[in-house]
Amino acid sequence: MIITPLEIIYLVITTLVVGYIFSGVIKIPNKDVLTSLKRFNWEEFKIAVLAAAPGVIFHELGHKFVALAFGFKAVFEIWPTGMIIGIAMKVLNAPLMLIAPGYVSISGTSNPYLFSLTAFAGPFINLLFWIIPMLILDYSKKKYSEKTMMILLMTKEINKWMFLFNMIPIPPLDGSKVLYPLFGSLFG
């Protein structure tokens, strides 16, 4: 089985948590006075889920599917501590967000180059989710709705930072695993 039912549940939980963490990043004007007094804005949550969750989910699935293609065992796991840290930073209005809601546990990797490609698969998804909206925003002649523009802008920015952050060559970030075959042999 490529994705287990438990992994699907974990992906749904991750999507909701990431949507909550990024909700409110872009404020949506609320014309209804009564609903604007409420603390939780469902429209901002929906936009955050559409913009942020795909970058996180497909990042992890990128690792999983590339690992499976190389014949490794790969399972998506949630990381409750990472979710709690992300939610706490959101609640405390922290100026920096740490998003680590889950990871792909990979076993059977003996070839460092295949492991490196597997590690790069996640950030590569974020690179695509950064560049494609950027190109659409910069070069598309089509006029998009305000909501679509917000989703594209938010998708671009979130994935830019996810790519850059994940490529930092410090363990346990993906950048250290991507660069391991290059520098591991020098120091190993």
N, C-alpha and C. Protein backbone atom coordinates (compact mmCIF):
# COMPACT_ATOMS: atom_id res chain seq x y z
N MET A 1 0.84 -1.18 0.00
CA MET A 1 0.00 0.00 0.00
C MET A 1 0.89 1.25 0.00
N ILE A 2 0.62 2.18 -0.90
CA ILE A 2 1.45 3.38 -1.02
C ILE A 2 1.22 4.32 0.16
N ILE A 3 -0.04 4.57 0.49
CA ILE A 3 -0.37 5.43 1.64
C ILE A 3 -1.36 4.66 2.50
N THR A 4 -1.05 4.55 3.77
CA THR A 4 -1.93 3.83 4.68
C THR A 4 -3.06 4.74 5.16
N PRO A 5 -4.15 4.15 5.65
CA PRO A 5 -5.22 4.98 6.21
C PRO A 5 -4.73 5.88 7.35
N LEU A 6 -3.82 5.37 8.17
CA LEU A 6 -3.28 6.19 9.26
C LEU A 6 -2.51 7.39 8.71
N GLU A 7 -1.75 7.19 7.64
CA GLU A 7 -1.04 8.31 7.02
C GLU A 7 -2.01 9.35 6.48
N ILE A 8 -3.13 8.90 5.92
CA ILE A 8 -4.15 9.85 5.43
C ILE A 8 -4.70 10.67 6.58
N ILE A 9 -4.97 10.03 7.71
CA ILE A 9 -5.44 10.76 8.90
C ILE A 9 -4.37 11.75 9.33
N TYR A 10 -3.12 11.33 9.36
CA TYR A 10 -2.03 12.24 9.74
C TYR A 10 -1.92 13.43 8.78
N LEU A 11 -2.12 13.18 7.49
CA LEU A 11 -2.05 14.26 6.50
C LEU A 11 -3.21 15.25 6.69
N VAL A 12 -4.40 14.76 7.03
CA VAL A 12 -5.54 15.65 7.29
C VAL A 12 -5.26 16.49 8.53
N ILE A 13 -4.78 15.86 9.60
CA ILE A 13 -4.44 16.60 10.83
C ILE A 13 -3.38 17.65 10.53
N THR A 14 -2.36 17.27 9.79
CA THR A 14 -1.28 18.20 9.43
C THR A 14 -1.83 19.37 8.63
N THR A 15 -2.71 19.09 7.68
CA THR A 15 -3.31 20.15 6.86
C THR A 15 -4.06 21.15 7.73
N LEU A 16 -4.87 20.65 8.66
CA LEU A 16 -5.65 21.53 9.53
C LEU A 16 -4.74 22.37 10.45
N VAL A 17 -3.70 21.73 10.99
CA VAL A 17 -2.78 22.45 11.88
C VAL A 17 -2.02 23.53 11.11
N VAL A 18 -1.50 23.18 9.93
CA VAL A 18 -0.76 24.16 9.13
C VAL A 18 -1.69 25.30 8.69
N GLY A 19 -2.93 24.95 8.31
CA GLY A 19 -3.90 25.99 7.96
C GLY A 19 -4.14 26.94 9.11
N TYR A 20 -4.29 26.39 10.31
CA TYR A 20 -4.50 27.25 11.48
C TYR A 20 -3.28 28.14 11.73
N ILE A 21 -2.10 27.56 11.67
CA ILE A 21 -0.87 28.33 11.95
C ILE A 21 -0.73 29.50 10.98
N PHE A 22 -1.06 29.28 9.71
CA PHE A 22 -0.90 30.35 8.73
C PHE A 22 -2.14 31.22 8.55
N SER A 23 -3.24 30.87 9.22
CA SER A 23 -4.43 31.71 9.11
C SER A 23 -4.13 33.08 9.72
N GLY A 24 -4.59 34.10 9.04
CA GLY A 24 -4.37 35.46 9.51
C GLY A 24 -3.09 36.08 9.02
N VAL A 25 -2.25 35.31 8.31
CA VAL A 25 -1.02 35.89 7.76
C VAL A 25 -1.39 37.01 6.80
N ILE A 26 -2.40 36.76 5.99
CA ILE A 26 -2.95 37.80 5.12
C ILE A 26 -4.35 38.08 5.62
N LYS A 27 -4.58 39.28 6.06
CA LYS A 27 -5.88 39.67 6.60
C LYS A 27 -6.88 39.89 5.48
N ILE A 28 -8.06 39.34 5.68
CA ILE A 28 -9.14 39.52 4.73
C ILE A 28 -10.14 40.49 5.34
N PRO A 29 -10.46 41.57 4.63
CA PRO A 29 -11.43 42.51 5.18
C PRO A 29 -12.77 41.80 5.40
N ASN A 30 -13.34 42.01 6.59
CA ASN A 30 -14.61 41.39 6.93
C ASN A 30 -15.67 42.48 7.01
N LYS A 31 -16.67 42.37 6.17
CA LYS A 31 -17.69 43.41 6.10
C LYS A 31 -18.78 43.22 7.15
N ASP A 32 -18.89 42.03 7.69
CA ASP A 32 -19.91 41.74 8.69
C ASP A 32 -19.34 42.07 10.07
N VAL A 33 -19.94 43.05 10.72
CA VAL A 33 -19.43 43.54 12.01
C VAL A 33 -19.49 42.45 13.07
N LEU A 34 -20.56 41.66 13.11
CA LEU A 34 -20.69 40.63 14.14
C LEU A 34 -19.63 39.55 13.98
N THR A 35 -19.40 39.08 12.77
CA THR A 35 -18.38 38.04 12.60
C THR A 35 -16.97 38.60 12.70
N SER A 36 -16.79 39.89 12.46
CA SER A 36 -15.45 40.46 12.58
C SER A 36 -15.01 40.56 14.04
N LEU A 37 -15.97 40.50 14.96
CA LEU A 37 -15.63 40.55 16.38
C LEU A 37 -15.14 39.19 16.89
N LYS A 38 -15.44 38.13 16.15
CA LYS A 38 -14.97 36.81 16.54
C LYS A 38 -13.47 36.71 16.30
N ARG A 39 -12.81 35.89 17.09
CA ARG A 39 -11.35 35.76 16.97
C ARG A 39 -10.94 34.88 15.80
N PHE A 40 -11.76 33.91 15.43
CA PHE A 40 -11.38 32.97 14.37
C PHE A 40 -12.10 33.34 13.09
N ASN A 41 -11.34 33.52 12.02
CA ASN A 41 -11.91 33.88 10.74
C ASN A 41 -11.80 32.66 9.81
N TRP A 42 -12.95 32.06 9.49
CA TRP A 42 -12.97 30.84 8.67
C TRP A 42 -12.45 31.11 7.27
N GLU A 43 -12.71 32.30 6.74
CA GLU A 43 -12.23 32.61 5.38
C GLU A 43 -10.71 32.66 5.35
N GLU A 44 -10.10 33.28 6.36
CA GLU A 44 -8.63 33.30 6.44
C GLU A 44 -8.07 31.89 6.61
N PHE A 45 -8.77 31.06 7.38
CA PHE A 45 -8.36 29.67 7.57
C PHE A 45 -8.39 28.92 6.24
N LYS A 46 -9.47 29.07 5.48
CA LYS A 46 -9.59 28.38 4.19
C LYS A 46 -8.48 28.82 3.24
N ILE A 47 -8.20 30.12 3.20
CA ILE A 47 -7.13 30.62 2.32
C ILE A 47 -5.78 30.07 2.77
N ALA A 48 -5.55 30.02 4.07
CA ALA A 48 -4.29 29.49 4.58
C ALA A 48 -4.14 28.01 4.24
N VAL A 49 -5.22 27.26 4.34
CA VAL A 49 -5.15 25.84 3.99
C VAL A 49 -4.81 25.69 2.51
N LEU A 50 -5.45 26.51 1.66
CA LEU A 50 -5.19 26.43 0.22
C LEU A 50 -3.76 26.86 -0.14
N ALA A 51 -3.22 27.82 0.61
CA ALA A 51 -1.90 28.36 0.28
C ALA A 51 -0.75 27.63 0.97
N ALA A 52 -0.92 27.28 2.23
CA ALA A 52 0.19 26.75 3.02
C ALA A 52 0.26 25.23 3.06
N ALA A 53 -0.88 24.60 3.24
CA ALA A 53 -0.87 23.15 3.44
C ALA A 53 -0.28 22.38 2.26
N PRO A 54 -0.57 22.74 0.99
CA PRO A 54 0.04 21.96 -0.09
C PRO A 54 1.57 21.94 -0.04
N GLY A 55 2.19 23.04 0.32
CA GLY A 55 3.65 23.08 0.40
C GLY A 55 4.19 22.11 1.44
N VAL A 56 3.51 22.03 2.58
CA VAL A 56 3.95 21.13 3.64
C VAL A 56 3.64 19.67 3.28
N ILE A 57 2.41 19.43 2.85
CA ILE A 57 1.98 18.06 2.55
C ILE A 57 2.77 17.48 1.38
N PHE A 58 2.85 18.23 0.28
CA PHE A 58 3.57 17.71 -0.89
C PHE A 58 5.07 17.63 -0.65
N HIS A 59 5.60 18.47 0.23
CA HIS A 59 7.00 18.37 0.63
C HIS A 59 7.24 16.97 1.22
N GLU A 60 6.41 16.59 2.17
CA GLU A 60 6.58 15.29 2.82
C GLU A 60 6.28 14.15 1.86
N LEU A 61 5.24 14.29 1.03
CA LEU A 61 4.94 13.24 0.07
C LEU A 61 6.05 13.11 -0.98
N GLY A 62 6.72 14.22 -1.29
CA GLY A 62 7.86 14.16 -2.20
C GLY A 62 8.93 13.23 -1.65
N HIS A 63 9.26 13.40 -0.36
CA HIS A 63 10.22 12.50 0.28
C HIS A 63 9.73 11.05 0.19
N LYS A 64 8.47 10.85 0.54
CA LYS A 64 7.90 9.50 0.61
C LYS A 64 7.93 8.80 -0.76
N PHE A 65 7.43 9.49 -1.79
CA PHE A 65 7.33 8.83 -3.09
C PHE A 65 8.69 8.60 -3.75
N VAL A 66 9.62 9.50 -3.55
CA VAL A 66 10.97 9.28 -4.09
C VAL A 66 11.63 8.11 -3.35
N ALA A 67 11.46 8.07 -2.03
CA ALA A 67 12.02 6.95 -1.26
C ALA A 67 11.42 5.63 -1.72
N LEU A 68 10.10 5.61 -1.91
CA LEU A 68 9.45 4.38 -2.38
C LEU A 68 9.95 4.00 -3.78
N ALA A 69 10.14 4.99 -4.64
CA ALA A 69 10.63 4.72 -6.00
C ALA A 69 12.03 4.10 -5.97
N PHE A 70 12.83 4.45 -4.99
CA PHE A 70 14.17 3.88 -4.85
C PHE A 70 14.15 2.54 -4.10
N GLY A 71 12.97 2.10 -3.69
CA GLY A 71 12.86 0.82 -3.00
C GLY A 71 13.03 0.89 -1.50
N PHE A 72 13.02 2.10 -0.94
CA PHE A 72 13.14 2.26 0.51
C PHE A 72 11.75 2.17 1.13
N LYS A 73 11.71 1.89 2.40
CA LYS A 73 10.46 1.93 3.15
C LYS A 73 10.29 3.36 3.66
N ALA A 74 9.12 3.93 3.45
CA ALA A 74 8.88 5.32 3.85
C ALA A 74 7.48 5.46 4.43
N VAL A 75 7.41 6.07 5.61
CA VAL A 75 6.13 6.24 6.30
C VAL A 75 6.04 7.68 6.82
N PHE A 76 4.91 8.34 6.52
CA PHE A 76 4.70 9.70 7.04
C PHE A 76 4.23 9.60 8.49
N GLU A 77 4.86 10.38 9.34
CA GLU A 77 4.53 10.42 10.77
C GLU A 77 4.24 11.86 11.16
N ILE A 78 3.29 12.05 12.07
CA ILE A 78 3.12 13.40 12.61
C ILE A 78 4.10 13.55 13.77
N TRP A 79 4.46 14.79 14.04
CA TRP A 79 5.33 15.09 15.16
C TRP A 79 4.55 16.02 16.09
N PRO A 80 3.88 15.46 17.10
CA PRO A 80 3.04 16.29 17.97
C PRO A 80 3.78 17.46 18.60
N THR A 81 5.02 17.25 19.00
CA THR A 81 5.81 18.34 19.59
C THR A 81 5.98 19.48 18.59
N GLY A 82 6.27 19.15 17.35
CA GLY A 82 6.40 20.18 16.32
C GLY A 82 5.09 20.93 16.09
N MET A 83 3.98 20.20 16.15
CA MET A 83 2.67 20.84 15.99
C MET A 83 2.39 21.80 17.16
N ILE A 84 2.69 21.34 18.36
CA ILE A 84 2.46 22.17 19.55
C ILE A 84 3.33 23.42 19.50
N ILE A 85 4.58 23.28 19.10
CA ILE A 85 5.47 24.45 18.98
C ILE A 85 4.91 25.43 17.97
N GLY A 86 4.47 24.95 16.80
CA GLY A 86 3.91 25.82 15.77
C GLY A 86 2.65 26.53 16.25
N ILE A 87 1.76 25.79 16.91
CA ILE A 87 0.52 26.39 17.43
C ILE A 87 0.84 27.41 18.52
N ALA A 88 1.77 27.07 19.41
CA ALA A 88 2.14 28.01 20.48
C ALA A 88 2.73 29.29 19.90
N MET A 89 3.57 29.16 18.88
CA MET A 89 4.16 30.36 18.25
C MET A 89 3.07 31.21 17.61
N LYS A 90 2.06 30.56 17.03
CA LYS A 90 0.93 31.29 16.43
C LYS A 90 0.16 32.02 17.52
N VAL A 91 -0.19 31.32 18.60
CA VAL A 91 -0.97 31.91 19.69
C VAL A 91 -0.22 33.07 20.33
N LEU A 92 1.09 32.94 20.45
CA LEU A 92 1.92 33.99 21.08
C LEU A 92 2.32 35.09 20.11
N ASN A 93 1.85 35.00 18.86
CA ASN A 93 2.20 35.99 17.82
C ASN A 93 3.71 36.13 17.66
N ALA A 94 4.41 35.01 17.65
CA ALA A 94 5.87 35.04 17.49
C ALA A 94 6.23 35.63 16.13
N PRO A 95 7.32 36.39 16.07
CA PRO A 95 7.71 37.01 14.80
C PRO A 95 8.26 36.00 13.79
N LEU A 96 8.63 34.81 14.26
CA LEU A 96 9.17 33.76 13.41
C LEU A 96 8.34 32.51 13.64
N MET A 97 8.04 31.80 12.56
CA MET A 97 7.25 30.58 12.69
C MET A 97 8.14 29.37 12.43
N LEU A 98 8.03 28.37 13.28
CA LEU A 98 8.70 27.10 13.10
C LEU A 98 7.63 26.07 12.79
N ILE A 99 7.65 25.56 11.58
CA ILE A 99 6.63 24.61 11.15
C ILE A 99 7.29 23.26 10.94
N ALA A 100 7.05 22.34 11.84
CA ALA A 100 7.58 20.98 11.72
C ALA A 100 6.51 20.00 12.21
N PRO A 101 5.39 19.91 11.48
CA PRO A 101 4.29 19.08 11.96
C PRO A 101 4.47 17.58 11.73
N GLY A 102 5.42 17.22 10.89
CA GLY A 102 5.60 15.81 10.61
C GLY A 102 6.88 15.56 9.83
N TYR A 103 7.11 14.31 9.55
CA TYR A 103 8.32 13.91 8.83
C TYR A 103 8.07 12.56 8.18
N VAL A 104 8.94 12.19 7.26
CA VAL A 104 8.86 10.87 6.64
C VAL A 104 10.00 10.04 7.21
N SER A 105 9.63 8.94 7.83
CA SER A 105 10.61 8.00 8.36
C SER A 105 11.02 7.08 7.22
N ILE A 106 12.31 7.08 6.90
CA ILE A 106 12.82 6.31 5.77
C ILE A 106 13.82 5.28 6.28
N SER A 107 13.63 4.04 5.82
CA SER A 107 14.59 3.00 6.20
C SER A 107 15.00 2.22 4.96
N GLY A 108 16.15 1.61 5.05
CA GLY A 108 16.68 0.83 3.94
C GLY A 108 17.55 1.64 3.00
N THR A 109 17.96 2.84 3.44
CA THR A 109 18.81 3.68 2.60
C THR A 109 20.27 3.36 2.88
N SER A 110 20.93 2.81 1.89
CA SER A 110 22.36 2.52 2.05
C SER A 110 23.21 3.34 1.08
N ASN A 111 22.60 3.81 0.01
CA ASN A 111 23.32 4.60 -0.98
C ASN A 111 23.19 6.08 -0.62
N PRO A 112 24.28 6.77 -0.29
CA PRO A 112 24.18 8.17 0.13
C PRO A 112 23.65 9.09 -0.97
N TYR A 113 23.87 8.75 -2.22
CA TYR A 113 23.40 9.61 -3.31
C TYR A 113 21.89 9.49 -3.48
N LEU A 114 21.35 8.28 -3.34
CA LEU A 114 19.90 8.10 -3.40
C LEU A 114 19.24 8.75 -2.18
N PHE A 115 19.89 8.66 -1.03
CA PHE A 115 19.40 9.31 0.18
C PHE A 115 19.37 10.83 -0.03
N SER A 116 20.40 11.35 -0.68
CA SER A 116 20.47 12.79 -0.97
C SER A 116 19.33 13.22 -1.89
N LEU A 117 19.07 12.44 -2.93
CA LEU A 117 17.96 12.75 -3.84
C LEU A 117 16.62 12.69 -3.12
N THR A 118 16.48 11.71 -2.25
CA THR A 118 15.25 11.59 -1.46
C THR A 118 15.09 12.81 -0.55
N ALA A 119 16.17 13.24 0.06
CA ALA A 119 16.12 14.42 0.93
C ALA A 119 15.77 15.68 0.14
N PHE A 120 16.26 15.77 -1.10
CA PHE A 120 16.01 16.97 -1.91
C PHE A 120 14.59 17.00 -2.48
N ALA A 121 13.92 15.86 -2.53
CA ALA A 121 12.58 15.81 -3.13
C ALA A 121 11.60 16.75 -2.45
N GLY A 122 11.64 16.85 -1.13
CA GLY A 122 10.74 17.75 -0.40
C GLY A 122 11.00 19.21 -0.72
N PRO A 123 12.23 19.70 -0.52
CA PRO A 123 12.51 21.09 -0.87
C PRO A 123 12.27 21.40 -2.35
N PHE A 124 12.49 20.41 -3.22
CA PHE A 124 12.23 20.64 -4.64
C PHE A 124 10.76 20.98 -4.88
N ILE A 125 9.86 20.32 -4.17
CA ILE A 125 8.43 20.65 -4.27
C ILE A 125 8.21 22.10 -3.84
N ASN A 126 8.85 22.52 -2.74
CA ASN A 126 8.71 23.91 -2.30
C ASN A 126 9.29 24.88 -3.31
N LEU A 127 10.38 24.50 -3.97
CA LEU A 127 10.96 25.33 -5.01
C LEU A 127 9.96 25.52 -6.15
N LEU A 128 9.31 24.45 -6.56
CA LEU A 128 8.29 24.56 -7.60
C LEU A 128 7.11 25.43 -7.16
N PHE A 129 6.65 25.21 -5.89
CA PHE A 129 5.52 25.99 -5.37
C PHE A 129 5.91 27.45 -5.10
N TRP A 130 7.19 27.77 -5.15
CA TRP A 130 7.66 29.15 -5.05
C TRP A 130 7.72 29.76 -6.45
N ILE A 131 8.34 29.04 -7.38
CA ILE A 131 8.59 29.60 -8.72
C ILE A 131 7.32 29.71 -9.56
N ILE A 132 6.48 28.70 -9.53
CA ILE A 132 5.28 28.72 -10.39
C ILE A 132 4.35 29.88 -10.03
N PRO A 133 3.98 30.10 -8.76
CA PRO A 133 3.14 31.27 -8.46
C PRO A 133 3.85 32.60 -8.77
N MET A 134 5.18 32.62 -8.57
CA MET A 134 5.93 33.83 -8.90
C MET A 134 5.81 34.15 -10.39
N LEU A 135 5.96 33.14 -11.23
CA LEU A 135 5.84 33.34 -12.67
C LEU A 135 4.41 33.74 -13.06
N ILE A 136 3.43 33.12 -12.44
CA ILE A 136 2.04 33.48 -12.71
C ILE A 136 1.79 34.93 -12.33
N LEU A 137 2.25 35.32 -11.15
CA LEU A 137 2.03 36.70 -10.68
C LEU A 137 2.79 37.71 -11.53
N ASP A 138 3.99 37.35 -11.97
CA ASP A 138 4.83 38.30 -12.72
C ASP A 138 4.49 38.38 -14.21
N TYR A 139 4.06 37.25 -14.79
CA TYR A 139 3.95 37.23 -16.25
C TYR A 139 2.56 36.93 -16.81
N SER A 140 1.64 36.55 -15.99
CA SER A 140 0.32 36.22 -16.51
C SER A 140 -0.43 37.49 -16.91
N LYS A 141 -1.05 37.44 -18.05
CA LYS A 141 -1.85 38.57 -18.53
C LYS A 141 -3.28 38.49 -18.01
N LYS A 142 -3.64 37.35 -17.47
CA LYS A 142 -4.98 37.13 -16.98
C LYS A 142 -5.20 37.93 -15.69
N LYS A 143 -6.39 38.43 -15.53
CA LYS A 143 -6.76 39.14 -14.30
C LYS A 143 -7.39 38.14 -13.33
N TYR A 144 -6.83 38.07 -12.14
CA TYR A 144 -7.31 37.14 -11.13
C TYR A 144 -8.09 37.89 -10.07
N SER A 145 -8.96 37.17 -9.37
CA SER A 145 -9.71 37.78 -8.27
C SER A 145 -8.74 38.11 -7.14
N GLU A 146 -9.18 38.95 -6.24
CA GLU A 146 -8.35 39.35 -5.10
C GLU A 146 -7.98 38.13 -4.25
N LYS A 147 -8.93 37.21 -4.07
CA LYS A 147 -8.68 36.01 -3.28
C LYS A 147 -7.62 35.13 -3.95
N THR A 148 -7.73 34.95 -5.27
CA THR A 148 -6.76 34.14 -6.00
C THR A 148 -5.37 34.78 -5.92
N MET A 149 -5.31 36.09 -6.04
CA MET A 149 -4.02 36.79 -5.93
C MET A 149 -3.41 36.59 -4.55
N MET A 150 -4.25 36.65 -3.50
CA MET A 150 -3.75 36.44 -2.14
C MET A 150 -3.21 35.03 -1.97
N ILE A 151 -3.93 34.05 -2.52
CA ILE A 151 -3.48 32.66 -2.40
C ILE A 151 -2.16 32.46 -3.15
N LEU A 152 -2.06 33.02 -4.35
CA LEU A 152 -0.81 32.90 -5.12
C LEU A 152 0.35 33.57 -4.39
N LEU A 153 0.12 34.77 -3.88
CA LEU A 153 1.17 35.50 -3.16
C LEU A 153 1.59 34.75 -1.90
N MET A 154 0.62 34.27 -1.15
CA MET A 154 0.91 33.55 0.08
C MET A 154 1.63 32.23 -0.22
N THR A 155 1.19 31.52 -1.26
CA THR A 155 1.84 30.27 -1.66
C THR A 155 3.29 30.52 -2.02
N LYS A 156 3.52 31.58 -2.80
CA LYS A 156 4.89 31.92 -3.22
C LYS A 156 5.77 32.20 -2.01
N GLU A 157 5.30 33.04 -1.12
CA GLU A 157 6.12 33.45 0.03
C GLU A 157 6.38 32.30 1.00
N ILE A 158 5.34 31.54 1.32
CA ILE A 158 5.49 30.44 2.26
C ILE A 158 6.48 29.41 1.72
N ASN A 159 6.33 29.06 0.45
CA ASN A 159 7.21 28.04 -0.12
C ASN A 159 8.62 28.54 -0.34
N LYS A 160 8.78 29.83 -0.58
CA LYS A 160 10.13 30.39 -0.67
C LYS A 160 10.87 30.16 0.65
N TRP A 161 10.20 30.52 1.75
CA TRP A 161 10.85 30.39 3.05
C TRP A 161 11.00 28.92 3.45
N MET A 162 10.04 28.08 3.07
CA MET A 162 10.19 26.65 3.36
C MET A 162 11.38 26.06 2.61
N PHE A 163 11.55 26.45 1.36
CA PHE A 163 12.69 25.95 0.58
C PHE A 163 14.00 26.43 1.21
N LEU A 164 14.11 27.73 1.44
CA LEU A 164 15.35 28.28 1.98
C LEU A 164 15.67 27.70 3.36
N PHE A 165 14.66 27.61 4.22
CA PHE A 165 14.88 27.07 5.57
C PHE A 165 15.32 25.61 5.50
N ASN A 166 14.61 24.80 4.72
CA ASN A 166 14.92 23.37 4.65
C ASN A 166 16.27 23.09 4.02
N MET A 167 16.79 24.01 3.22
CA MET A 167 18.08 23.78 2.57
C MET A 167 19.27 24.26 3.41
N ILE A 168 19.01 24.76 4.60
CA ILE A 168 20.12 25.10 5.50
C ILE A 168 20.85 23.78 5.84
N PRO A 169 22.15 23.73 5.65
CA PRO A 169 22.87 22.46 5.84
C PRO A 169 23.20 22.14 7.30
N ILE A 170 22.18 22.18 8.15
CA ILE A 170 22.34 21.86 9.56
C ILE A 170 21.39 20.71 9.89
N PRO A 171 21.90 19.62 10.47
CA PRO A 171 21.01 18.51 10.84
C PRO A 171 19.95 18.97 11.83
N PRO A 172 18.74 18.53 11.75
CA PRO A 172 18.19 17.47 10.91
C PRO A 172 17.53 18.01 9.63
N LEU A 173 17.82 19.24 9.26
CA LEU A 173 17.19 19.83 8.08
C LEU A 173 17.63 19.10 6.81
N ASP A 174 16.79 19.18 5.78
CA ASP A 174 17.06 18.47 4.53
C ASP A 174 18.37 18.89 3.88
N GLY A 175 18.75 20.13 4.02
CA GLY A 175 19.99 20.61 3.40
C GLY A 175 21.21 19.81 3.83
N SER A 176 21.25 19.40 5.10
CA SER A 176 22.38 18.60 5.56
C SER A 176 22.38 17.22 4.91
N LYS A 177 21.20 16.68 4.65
CA LYS A 177 21.09 15.36 4.03
C LYS A 177 21.37 15.42 2.54
N VAL A 178 21.01 16.55 1.92
CA VAL A 178 21.27 16.73 0.49
C VAL A 178 22.77 16.85 0.25
N LEU A 179 23.45 17.57 1.12
CA LEU A 179 24.89 17.81 0.93
C LEU A 179 25.78 16.72 1.52
N TYR A 180 25.21 15.78 2.26
CA TYR A 180 26.00 14.74 2.90
C TYR A 180 26.90 13.98 1.94
N PRO A 181 26.40 13.53 0.76
CA PRO A 181 27.31 12.78 -0.13
C PRO A 181 28.51 13.59 -0.60
N LEU A 182 28.34 14.91 -0.68
CA LEU A 182 29.45 15.75 -1.12
C LEU A 182 30.48 15.94 -0.02
N PHE A 183 29.98 16.21 1.21
CA PHE A 183 30.91 16.53 2.29
C PHE A 183 31.13 15.36 3.25
N GLY A 184 30.21 14.41 3.28
CA GLY A 184 30.36 13.26 4.17
C GLY A 184 31.60 12.45 3.86
N SER A 185 31.88 12.30 2.55
CA SER A 185 33.07 11.54 2.18
C SER A 185 34.36 12.29 2.52
N LEU A 186 34.26 13.62 2.58
CA LEU A 186 35.45 14.39 2.93
C LEU A 186 35.78 14.26 4.42
N PHE A 187 34.70 14.16 5.23
CA PHE A 187 34.91 14.13 6.67
C PHE A 187 34.70 12.74 7.27
N GLY A 188 34.20 11.79 6.46
CA GLY A 188 33.87 10.48 7.00
C GLY A 188 34.96 9.54 6.80
